[in-house]
Amino acid sequence: MDTLMLSRMQFGANIAFHILFPSINIALCWFLVYFRLRHRAARGTAAAQHWEEAYYLWTKIFALSFALGVVSGITMSFQFGTNWPGYMEKVGNIAGPLLGYEVLTAFFLEATFLGIMLFGRARVSDQVHMVATLMVAGGTTLSAFWILSLNSWMQTPVGYTVINGQYHAQDWLAIIFNPSFPYRLAHKLLASTLTASFLVAGLSAWQLLRGTSNGGTHLALRAAVAAAAVAIPLQIFAGDAHGLNTLRHQPAKIAAIEGIWHTEKGAPLTLFGWPNEKEGRTDFAIQVPKLASLILAHDMDAELKGLDEFPNAHPPVAPVFWAFRIMVGMGMLMLLVAWSSAWTLWRTRSAAQAGFNTWQLRLLAAMTFSGWVATVAGWCVTEIGRQPFLVYGLLRTADLVADHPPGMVLGTLLAYLAVYVLLLSAYVRVLMYMAQHPAMPTAHTPQSPKAATPIGGPA
């Protein structure tokens, strides 16, 4: 537990907490756009009020998640200076502009229109409010674009030149659209879709079980189940493509994921086992012959590099090995739940209690935060799998950490963990409270306020 390990744990704790909220908001805001569009299309019917109820509840949840994402993101960015000054010293000429682009083009866009989306429902026209919701949704996606571009460049660095030991941009297009970026962006956007879908579906199912549902609950549940059912097979396809890209550019990570200790042709797929890094083997392994080569190279006899090909340059095996299996296992459970729920909805054509059995609602409620589990596990695979490098193949993590006393880093790590546990428990409790006490939008967002002069036309 030296300074290096403690600093890695501290940054890992910060980013694990932070990523929970963007993984919801990126897709949740597009749900809000969908709710607004359906409300506009149903204007003059009873369904319009129900879509308004769904929009009102999930706008409040989006705002809460947005606030926690911003706060934790600021805390995380400060650690580049406090714990990893060598990183910014070496690659700040590339990382700094990309982070700046995210602030200037995405965060400012979100922050500008978020106020209209949250507080302007009774003060602007319906068209302006719709545009504001679209802008916030576009801003969240654009934010993911820039952040993932930088993180992907750290995984597959290209387009740079080295001047006096510092890395400078030589080709910005190559840096932004680096070899792993398209796969990682698609993977993350679909992960967010699944995270938000199961959150909406799970919380709606909980409302039905508690008897606090309204017309908007039924519509939100139907939309979330449909989105999850479509996104999960796409995510499996995107994950396979991402794996092939990782094999090409980061073979040591793949070797750790699959527990391949020695280079071999026709490598077996290890379903479960206990990685024994000291002995260089996987104990109690349950394997399927040649399946790893078939999945990763689409050739049963293809040669896969083992960890022995990367002495002192491969990640710790056990955390990557197990995190990957948690991610895949949760993905398979999502597939089962999403498709079975979609089949129920298609068969009954109703999201009410009559459509779902009590056990199905309980299962959906239990899966409320399943997206978080898969997201954090996947992020562990990506970030721990990059070790021992901070910028893959170029800069080692151990060379860039600040020289703080271990006790100082441990103290701040414990403080962070305490605050994050408190915030996370409070966040979940507030979500449960909102679901149990769903306020009616008409009480707070009148459709035609007489005291306000709408911007952009009649409200």
Protein backbone atom coordinates (compact mmCIF):
# COMPACT_ATOMS: atom_id res chain seq x y z
CA MET A 1 0.00 0.00 0.00
CA ASP A 2 2.55 2.56 -1.16
CA THR A 3 1.78 5.99 -2.60
CA LEU A 4 1.32 4.59 -6.10
CA MET A 5 -1.27 2.01 -5.09
CA LEU A 6 -3.12 4.40 -2.78
CA SER A 7 -3.22 7.09 -5.48
CA ARG A 8 -4.58 4.57 -7.97
CA MET A 9 -7.22 3.48 -5.48
CA GLN A 10 -8.18 7.09 -4.79
CA PHE A 11 -8.58 7.95 -8.45
CA GLY A 12 -10.38 4.66 -9.02
CA ALA A 13 -12.85 5.47 -6.24
CA ASN A 14 -13.45 8.94 -7.67
CA ILE A 15 -14.00 7.79 -11.23
CA ALA A 16 -16.14 4.82 -10.15
CA PHE A 17 -18.45 7.18 -8.26
CA HIS A 18 -18.45 9.80 -11.01
CA ILE A 19 -19.21 7.43 -13.86
CA LEU A 20 -22.42 6.26 -12.19
CA PHE A 21 -24.19 9.49 -13.05
CA PRO A 22 -23.09 10.16 -16.66
CA SER A 23 -23.95 6.53 -17.38
CA ILE A 24 -27.54 7.44 -16.42
CA ASN A 25 -27.79 10.94 -17.86
CA ILE A 26 -26.39 10.37 -21.35
CA ALA A 27 -29.38 8.20 -22.27
CA LEU A 28 -31.92 9.44 -19.72
CA CYS A 29 -32.10 12.85 -21.37
CA TRP A 30 -32.98 11.17 -24.66
CA PHE A 31 -35.79 9.43 -22.79
CA LEU A 32 -36.96 12.89 -21.78
CA VAL A 33 -36.84 14.00 -25.42
CA TYR A 34 -38.98 10.98 -26.32
CA PHE A 35 -41.46 11.78 -23.55
CA ARG A 36 -41.78 15.38 -24.80
CA LEU A 37 -42.30 14.27 -28.39
CA ARG A 38 -45.00 11.81 -27.37
CA HIS A 39 -46.63 14.49 -25.23
CA ARG A 40 -46.74 16.85 -28.21
CA ALA A 41 -48.10 14.13 -30.48
CA ALA A 42 -50.83 13.22 -27.96
CA ARG A 43 -51.90 16.82 -27.32
CA GLY A 44 -55.61 17.05 -26.67
CA THR A 45 -55.94 13.44 -25.49
CA ALA A 46 -55.79 11.79 -22.07
CA ALA A 47 -52.38 10.29 -22.93
CA ALA A 48 -50.82 13.78 -23.06
CA GLN A 49 -51.21 14.17 -19.30
CA HIS A 50 -49.62 10.78 -18.71
CA TRP A 51 -46.58 11.63 -20.84
CA GLU A 52 -46.31 14.91 -18.92
CA GLU A 53 -46.28 12.97 -15.64
CA ALA A 54 -43.49 10.71 -16.89
CA TYR A 55 -41.48 13.69 -18.09
CA TYR A 56 -41.93 15.58 -14.84
CA LEU A 57 -40.68 12.76 -12.57
CA TRP A 58 -37.69 11.81 -14.70
CA THR A 59 -36.65 15.42 -15.25
CA LYS A 60 -36.24 15.74 -11.49
CA ILE A 61 -34.19 12.53 -11.38
CA PHE A 62 -32.07 13.77 -14.29
CA ALA A 63 -31.39 17.05 -12.47
CA LEU A 64 -30.31 15.23 -9.32
CA SER A 65 -28.02 12.91 -11.27
CA PHE A 66 -26.60 15.84 -13.25
CA ALA A 67 -25.71 17.71 -10.07
CA LEU A 68 -23.86 14.75 -8.57
CA GLY A 69 -22.07 14.08 -11.85
CA VAL A 70 -20.82 17.67 -12.05
CA VAL A 71 -19.60 17.74 -8.45
CA SER A 72 -17.78 14.42 -8.67
CA GLY A 73 -16.32 15.33 -12.07
CA ILE A 74 -14.76 18.52 -10.71
CA THR A 75 -13.25 16.59 -7.80
CA MET A 76 -11.83 14.02 -10.17
CA SER A 77 -10.25 16.58 -12.49
CA PHE A 78 -8.39 18.19 -9.58
CA GLN A 79 -6.59 14.92 -8.99
CA PHE A 80 -4.68 15.34 -12.23
CA GLY A 81 -2.79 18.05 -10.39
CA THR A 82 -2.76 16.72 -6.84
CA ASN A 83 -1.98 13.05 -7.46
CA TRP A 84 -0.79 12.79 -11.07
CA PRO A 85 1.18 15.94 -11.96
CA GLY A 86 3.47 13.93 -14.21
CA TYR A 87 0.51 13.11 -16.44
CA MET A 88 -0.33 16.72 -17.21
CA GLU A 89 3.34 17.63 -17.47
CA LYS A 90 3.87 14.99 -20.16
CA VAL A 91 0.58 14.98 -22.11
CA GLY A 92 -1.12 18.18 -20.96
CA ASN A 93 -0.73 19.63 -24.45
CA ILE A 94 -3.11 16.92 -25.68
CA ALA A 95 -5.29 16.23 -22.64
CA GLY A 96 -5.84 19.90 -21.80
CA PRO A 97 -7.41 20.95 -25.13
CA LEU A 98 -9.63 17.86 -25.26
CA LEU A 99 -10.93 18.57 -21.76
CA GLY A 100 -11.36 22.22 -22.76
CA TYR A 101 -13.37 21.25 -25.82
CA GLU A 102 -15.66 19.20 -23.59
CA VAL A 103 -16.29 22.21 -21.34
CA LEU A 104 -16.74 24.74 -24.15
CA THR A 105 -18.90 22.69 -26.51
CA ALA A 106 -20.74 20.28 -24.22
CA PHE A 107 -20.89 21.41 -20.62
CA PHE A 108 -21.73 25.02 -21.48
CA LEU A 109 -24.45 23.75 -23.83
CA GLU A 110 -25.94 21.57 -21.11
CA ALA A 111 -25.69 24.25 -18.43
CA THR A 112 -27.23 26.94 -20.63
CA PHE A 113 -30.32 25.01 -21.63
CA LEU A 114 -30.68 22.99 -18.43
CA GLY A 115 -32.19 25.99 -16.66
CA ILE A 116 -34.83 26.37 -19.37
CA MET A 117 -35.56 22.65 -19.31
CA LEU A 118 -35.95 22.53 -15.52
CA PHE A 119 -37.56 25.88 -14.74
CA GLY A 120 -38.94 27.20 -18.01
CA ARG A 121 -41.86 24.86 -18.59
CA ALA A 122 -44.37 27.54 -17.60
CA ARG A 123 -42.35 30.47 -18.93
CA VAL A 124 -41.45 29.57 -22.50
CA SER A 125 -43.38 28.15 -25.40
CA ASP A 126 -43.68 24.42 -25.87
CA GLN A 127 -41.40 24.64 -28.91
CA VAL A 128 -38.65 26.43 -26.99
CA HIS A 129 -38.90 23.95 -24.15
CA MET A 130 -38.62 21.09 -26.61
CA VAL A 131 -35.50 22.65 -28.14
CA ALA A 132 -34.00 23.12 -24.67
CA THR A 133 -34.51 19.45 -23.88
CA LEU A 134 -32.90 18.49 -27.19
CA MET A 135 -29.91 20.74 -26.51
CA VAL A 136 -29.34 19.22 -23.08
CA ALA A 137 -29.55 15.72 -24.56
CA GLY A 138 -27.12 16.68 -27.31
CA GLY A 139 -24.78 18.23 -24.75
CA THR A 140 -24.62 15.09 -22.64
CA THR A 141 -23.78 13.00 -25.70
CA LEU A 142 -21.19 15.52 -26.87
CA SER A 143 -19.61 15.47 -23.42
CA ALA A 144 -19.25 11.69 -23.67
CA PHE A 145 -17.69 12.16 -27.13
CA TRP A 146 -14.83 14.35 -25.86
CA ILE A 147 -14.14 12.47 -22.64
CA LEU A 148 -14.08 9.12 -24.40
CA SER A 149 -11.87 10.56 -27.12
CA LEU A 150 -9.25 11.48 -24.54
CA ASN A 151 -9.56 8.22 -22.65
CA SER A 152 -9.40 6.23 -25.88
CA TRP A 153 -6.28 8.11 -26.93
CA MET A 154 -4.69 7.02 -23.64
CA GLN A 155 -5.52 3.43 -24.65
CA THR A 156 -4.41 3.71 -28.29
CA PRO A 157 -2.17 6.80 -28.62
CA VAL A 158 -1.58 8.08 -32.17
CA GLY A 159 -1.10 11.43 -33.91
CA TYR A 160 1.48 12.81 -31.46
CA THR A 161 5.05 13.99 -31.56
CA VAL A 162 7.54 14.17 -28.68
CA ILE A 163 9.36 17.45 -28.05
CA ASN A 164 11.71 17.71 -25.07
CA GLY A 165 10.00 14.77 -23.38
CA GLN A 166 6.52 16.24 -23.78
CA TYR A 167 3.79 14.94 -26.08
CA HIS A 168 2.33 17.41 -28.57
CA ALA A 169 -0.45 17.05 -31.10
CA GLN A 170 0.72 16.39 -34.63
CA ASP A 171 -2.66 15.36 -36.10
CA TRP A 172 -5.75 16.33 -34.11
CA LEU A 173 -8.10 14.25 -36.25
CA ALA A 174 -5.96 11.17 -35.62
CA ILE A 175 -5.92 11.93 -31.90
CA ILE A 176 -9.66 12.49 -31.61
CA PHE A 177 -10.67 9.57 -33.84
CA ASN A 178 -7.98 7.22 -32.57
CA PRO A 179 -8.21 3.46 -33.36
CA SER A 180 -10.24 2.44 -30.29
CA PHE A 181 -12.49 5.52 -30.07
CA PRO A 182 -15.41 4.47 -32.34
CA TYR A 183 -15.75 1.13 -30.56
CA ARG A 184 -15.52 2.62 -27.08
CA LEU A 185 -17.99 5.41 -27.90
CA ALA A 186 -20.57 2.97 -29.25
CA HIS A 187 -20.02 0.66 -26.30
CA LYS A 188 -20.47 3.50 -23.79
CA LEU A 189 -23.57 4.99 -25.43
CA LEU A 190 -25.24 1.58 -25.46
CA ALA A 191 -24.14 0.98 -21.86
CA SER A 192 -25.78 4.25 -20.89
CA THR A 193 -28.95 3.25 -22.74
CA LEU A 194 -29.10 0.03 -20.75
CA THR A 195 -28.28 1.74 -17.46
CA ALA A 196 -31.01 4.35 -17.92
CA SER A 197 -33.49 1.79 -19.27
CA PHE A 198 -33.18 -0.51 -16.28
CA LEU A 199 -33.29 2.45 -13.90
CA VAL A 200 -36.54 3.70 -15.46
CA ALA A 201 -38.02 0.21 -15.69
CA GLY A 202 -36.93 -0.78 -12.19
CA LEU A 203 -38.18 2.35 -10.49
CA SER A 204 -41.46 2.17 -12.42
CA ALA A 205 -41.90 -1.47 -11.39
CA TRP A 206 -41.25 -0.45 -7.80
CA GLN A 207 -43.98 2.18 -8.09
CA LEU A 208 -46.41 -0.44 -9.35
CA LEU A 209 -45.53 -2.74 -6.48
CA ARG A 210 -45.93 0.05 -3.93
CA GLY A 211 -49.18 1.31 -5.42
CA THR A 212 -47.83 4.80 -6.14
CA SER A 213 -47.97 4.62 -9.92
CA ASN A 214 -49.79 6.93 -12.30
CA GLY A 215 -50.42 6.93 -16.02
CA GLY A 216 -46.89 8.12 -16.69
CA THR A 217 -45.45 5.13 -14.83
CA HIS A 218 -47.00 2.69 -17.28
CA LEU A 219 -45.74 4.61 -20.31
CA ALA A 220 -42.22 5.04 -18.91
CA LEU A 221 -42.02 1.33 -18.13
CA ARG A 222 -43.05 0.36 -21.65
CA ALA A 223 -40.52 2.74 -23.19
CA ALA A 224 -37.69 1.54 -20.93
CA VAL A 225 -38.33 -2.16 -21.57
CA ALA A 226 -38.47 -1.58 -25.33
CA ALA A 227 -35.22 0.40 -25.27
CA ALA A 228 -33.44 -2.26 -23.21
CA ALA A 229 -34.66 -5.07 -25.45
CA VAL A 230 -33.26 -3.33 -28.53
CA ALA A 231 -30.02 -2.10 -26.93
CA ILE A 232 -28.80 -5.33 -25.34
CA PRO A 233 -28.20 -7.31 -28.57
CA LEU A 234 -26.58 -4.23 -30.09
CA GLN A 235 -24.33 -4.02 -27.04
CA ILE A 236 -23.28 -7.65 -27.45
CA PHE A 237 -22.36 -6.95 -31.07
CA ALA A 238 -20.51 -3.74 -30.14
CA GLY A 239 -18.69 -5.56 -27.33
CA ASP A 240 -17.48 -8.22 -29.74
CA ALA A 241 -16.18 -5.59 -32.15
CA HIS A 242 -14.52 -3.75 -29.25
CA GLY A 243 -12.86 -6.99 -28.17
CA LEU A 244 -11.41 -7.56 -31.63
CA ASN A 245 -10.06 -4.01 -31.63
CA THR A 246 -8.53 -4.53 -28.19
CA LEU A 247 -6.86 -7.75 -29.34
CA ARG A 248 -5.25 -5.80 -32.16
CA HIS A 249 -3.98 -2.91 -30.07
CA GLN A 250 -3.79 -4.21 -26.47
CA PRO A 251 -3.14 -7.97 -26.60
CA ALA A 252 -1.85 -8.01 -23.00
CA LYS A 253 -5.28 -6.83 -21.79
CA ILE A 254 -7.01 -9.63 -23.71
CA ALA A 255 -4.57 -12.18 -22.31
CA ALA A 256 -5.45 -11.03 -18.78
CA ILE A 257 -9.20 -11.02 -19.52
CA GLU A 258 -9.10 -14.59 -20.79
CA GLY A 259 -6.42 -15.88 -18.42
CA ILE A 260 -4.13 -16.90 -21.30
CA TRP A 261 -0.77 -17.44 -19.63
CA HIS A 262 1.18 -18.84 -22.57
CA THR A 263 0.95 -18.19 -26.30
CA GLU A 264 -0.99 -20.97 -27.97
CA LYS A 265 -3.00 -21.85 -31.02
CA GLY A 266 -6.61 -22.81 -30.58
CA ALA A 267 -6.76 -21.21 -27.13
CA PRO A 268 -9.63 -22.41 -24.90
CA LEU A 269 -12.20 -20.07 -23.41
CA THR A 270 -12.06 -20.06 -19.62
CA LEU A 271 -15.58 -19.67 -18.30
CA PHE A 272 -14.60 -19.65 -14.64
CA GLY A 273 -11.48 -20.27 -12.62
CA TRP A 274 -9.11 -18.76 -10.10
CA PRO A 275 -6.15 -16.88 -11.64
CA ASN A 276 -2.90 -17.87 -9.94
CA GLU A 277 -0.48 -15.21 -11.11
CA LYS A 278 2.36 -16.48 -8.96
CA GLU A 279 2.29 -19.90 -10.62
CA GLY A 280 1.19 -18.62 -14.03
CA ARG A 281 -1.98 -20.69 -14.32
CA THR A 282 -5.72 -20.63 -13.70
CA ASP A 283 -6.73 -23.01 -10.94
CA PHE A 284 -10.05 -24.89 -11.02
CA ALA A 285 -10.57 -23.71 -14.61
CA ILE A 286 -13.74 -24.61 -16.51
CA GLN A 287 -12.79 -24.28 -20.18
CA VAL A 288 -14.28 -24.75 -23.63
CA PRO A 289 -11.58 -25.91 -26.09
CA LYS A 290 -10.61 -23.49 -28.87
CA LEU A 291 -13.53 -21.15 -28.17
CA ALA A 292 -11.34 -18.16 -27.18
CA SER A 293 -9.58 -18.27 -30.55
CA LEU A 294 -12.92 -18.59 -32.33
CA ILE A 295 -14.47 -15.62 -30.48
CA LEU A 296 -11.45 -13.31 -30.54
CA ALA A 297 -9.99 -14.11 -33.94
CA HIS A 298 -12.97 -15.83 -35.60
CA ASP A 299 -10.66 -18.79 -36.25
CA MET A 300 -10.63 -21.90 -34.05
CA ASP A 301 -6.91 -22.46 -34.68
CA ALA A 302 -5.77 -18.84 -34.40
CA GLU A 303 -2.78 -18.07 -32.20
CA LEU A 304 -3.39 -15.85 -29.18
CA LYS A 305 -0.54 -14.22 -27.31
CA GLY A 306 -0.14 -15.17 -23.69
CA LEU A 307 0.93 -13.10 -20.71
CA ASP A 308 4.43 -14.54 -20.98
CA GLU A 309 4.89 -12.39 -24.09
CA PHE A 310 4.63 -9.22 -21.96
CA PRO A 311 7.06 -9.49 -19.03
CA ASN A 312 6.60 -6.54 -16.65
CA ALA A 313 4.11 -5.01 -19.11
CA HIS A 314 0.81 -6.73 -18.41
CA PRO A 315 -1.98 -5.81 -15.97
CA PRO A 316 -2.80 -7.65 -12.75
CA VAL A 317 -4.74 -10.65 -13.93
CA ALA A 318 -7.30 -11.41 -11.21
CA PRO A 319 -9.18 -8.06 -11.10
CA VAL A 320 -9.39 -7.85 -14.90
CA PHE A 321 -10.36 -11.51 -15.22
CA TRP A 322 -13.19 -11.27 -12.67
CA ALA A 323 -14.43 -7.79 -13.64
CA PHE A 324 -14.92 -8.97 -17.22
CA ARG A 325 -16.98 -11.94 -16.09
CA ILE A 326 -19.13 -9.78 -13.84
CA MET A 327 -19.78 -7.44 -16.78
CA VAL A 328 -20.64 -10.26 -19.18
CA GLY A 329 -22.72 -12.10 -16.59
CA MET A 330 -24.75 -8.97 -15.86
CA GLY A 331 -25.17 -8.42 -19.60
CA MET A 332 -26.60 -11.91 -20.03
CA LEU A 333 -29.00 -11.32 -17.14
CA MET A 334 -30.06 -8.02 -18.75
CA LEU A 335 -30.73 -9.85 -22.00
CA LEU A 336 -32.93 -12.42 -20.26
CA VAL A 337 -34.89 -9.84 -18.25
CA ALA A 338 -35.28 -7.35 -21.11
CA TRP A 339 -36.48 -9.87 -23.66
CA SER A 340 -38.81 -11.69 -21.28
CA SER A 341 -40.32 -8.34 -20.20
CA ALA A 342 -40.66 -7.22 -23.82
CA TRP A 343 -42.41 -10.48 -24.66
CA THR A 344 -44.85 -9.92 -21.80
CA LEU A 345 -45.62 -6.41 -23.01
CA TRP A 346 -46.07 -7.53 -26.59
CA ARG A 347 -48.34 -10.37 -25.52
CA THR A 348 -50.52 -8.33 -23.17
CA ARG A 349 -50.11 -4.92 -24.85
CA SER A 350 -50.20 -3.36 -21.37
CA ALA A 351 -47.65 -2.23 -18.80
CA ALA A 352 -50.17 -2.25 -15.97
CA GLN A 353 -50.22 -4.78 -13.14
CA ALA A 354 -52.32 -7.06 -15.36
CA GLY A 355 -49.47 -7.17 -17.88
CA PHE A 356 -46.69 -8.13 -15.48
CA ASN A 357 -46.88 -10.72 -12.76
CA THR A 358 -45.74 -9.67 -9.32
CA TRP A 359 -42.55 -11.70 -9.66
CA GLN A 360 -41.75 -9.97 -12.95
CA LEU A 361 -42.17 -6.57 -11.35
CA ARG A 362 -39.97 -7.65 -8.47
CA LEU A 363 -37.33 -8.86 -10.91
CA LEU A 364 -37.37 -5.53 -12.76
CA ALA A 365 -37.17 -3.66 -9.45
CA ALA A 366 -34.19 -5.79 -8.41
CA MET A 367 -32.48 -4.88 -11.69
CA THR A 368 -32.86 -1.12 -11.12
CA PHE A 369 -29.14 -0.51 -10.65
CA SER A 370 -27.85 -3.44 -12.71
CA GLY A 371 -26.45 -1.01 -15.26
CA TRP A 372 -24.21 0.46 -12.58
CA VAL A 373 -22.77 -2.98 -11.80
CA ALA A 374 -22.00 -3.69 -15.46
CA THR A 375 -20.62 -0.18 -16.06
CA VAL A 376 -18.22 -0.20 -13.10
CA ALA A 377 -17.08 -3.73 -13.93
CA GLY A 378 -16.46 -2.74 -17.55
CA TRP A 379 -14.58 0.36 -16.49
CA CYS A 380 -12.35 -1.80 -14.26
CA VAL A 381 -11.58 -4.01 -17.25
CA THR A 382 -10.65 -0.97 -19.33
CA GLU A 383 -8.62 0.97 -16.78
CA ILE A 384 -6.94 -1.78 -14.77
CA GLY A 385 -6.35 -3.64 -18.03
CA ARG A 386 -4.25 -0.69 -19.27
CA GLN A 387 -1.75 -1.07 -16.43
CA PRO A 388 1.15 -0.68 -15.88
CA PHE A 389 0.75 2.21 -18.32
CA LEU A 390 -1.14 5.47 -17.93
CA VAL A 391 -0.75 6.17 -21.64
CA TYR A 392 -0.55 2.71 -23.14
CA GLY A 393 2.92 1.70 -24.24
CA LEU A 394 4.35 5.19 -23.66
CA LEU A 395 4.10 6.37 -20.05
CA ARG A 396 4.15 4.12 -17.01
CA THR A 397 1.81 4.91 -14.15
CA ALA A 398 4.59 4.60 -11.57
CA ASP A 399 6.60 7.35 -13.27
CA LEU A 400 3.82 9.96 -13.15
CA VAL A 401 2.46 9.76 -9.61
CA ALA A 402 3.06 12.58 -7.12
CA ASP A 403 5.56 11.93 -4.34
CA HIS A 404 3.15 12.34 -1.41
CA PRO A 405 3.51 10.51 1.92
CA PRO A 406 1.34 7.37 1.86
CA GLY A 407 -0.45 8.44 5.04
CA MET A 408 -1.64 11.65 3.41
CA VAL A 409 -3.08 9.81 0.41
CA LEU A 410 -4.69 7.21 2.67
CA GLY A 411 -6.37 9.92 4.73
CA THR A 412 -7.87 11.64 1.70
CA LEU A 413 -8.90 8.27 0.24
CA LEU A 414 -10.85 7.39 3.38
CA ALA A 415 -12.44 10.84 3.40
CA TYR A 416 -13.52 10.47 -0.22
CA LEU A 417 -14.97 7.03 0.46
CA ALA A 418 -16.94 8.28 3.45
CA VAL A 419 -18.42 11.19 1.49
CA TYR A 420 -19.24 9.01 -1.51
CA VAL A 421 -20.97 6.35 0.56
CA LEU A 422 -23.06 9.09 2.19
CA LEU A 423 -23.92 10.73 -1.14
CA LEU A 424 -24.73 7.45 -2.85
CA SER A 425 -27.01 6.28 -0.05
CA ALA A 426 -28.74 9.67 -0.01
CA TYR A 427 -29.15 9.56 -3.80
CA VAL A 428 -30.82 6.14 -3.70
CA ARG A 429 -33.09 7.18 -0.84
CA VAL A 430 -34.17 10.31 -2.72
CA LEU A 431 -34.97 8.23 -5.80
CA MET A 432 -37.11 5.94 -3.70
CA TYR A 433 -38.85 8.93 -2.14
CA MET A 434 -39.56 10.50 -5.53
CA ALA A 435 -41.01 7.23 -6.78
CA GLN A 436 -43.14 6.84 -3.66
CA HIS A 437 -44.40 10.44 -3.77
CA PRO A 438 -44.74 11.30 -7.47
CA ALA A 439 -45.88 14.93 -7.64
CA MET A 440 -48.34 15.83 -10.34
CA PRO A 441 -46.80 18.19 -12.94
CA THR A 442 -49.92 20.32 -13.21
CA ALA A 443 -49.44 21.46 -9.62
CA HIS A 444 -46.07 23.07 -10.37
CA THR A 445 -45.85 23.55 -14.13
CA PRO A 446 -49.10 25.15 -15.32
CA GLN A 447 -49.69 24.84 -19.01
CA SER A 448 -50.91 28.44 -19.52
CA PRO A 449 -49.66 30.76 -16.76
CA LYS A 450 -51.32 34.14 -16.85
CA ALA A 451 -48.64 36.01 -14.95
CA ALA A 452 -45.73 35.09 -17.22
CA THR A 453 -45.10 36.29 -20.77
CA PRO A 454 -43.76 33.24 -22.62
CA ILE A 455 -40.62 33.53 -24.70
CA GLY A 456 -41.07 32.39 -28.25
CA GLY A 457 -44.84 32.45 -28.45
CA PRO A 458 -47.88 31.18 -26.57
CA ALA A 459 -47.21 28.54 -23.91
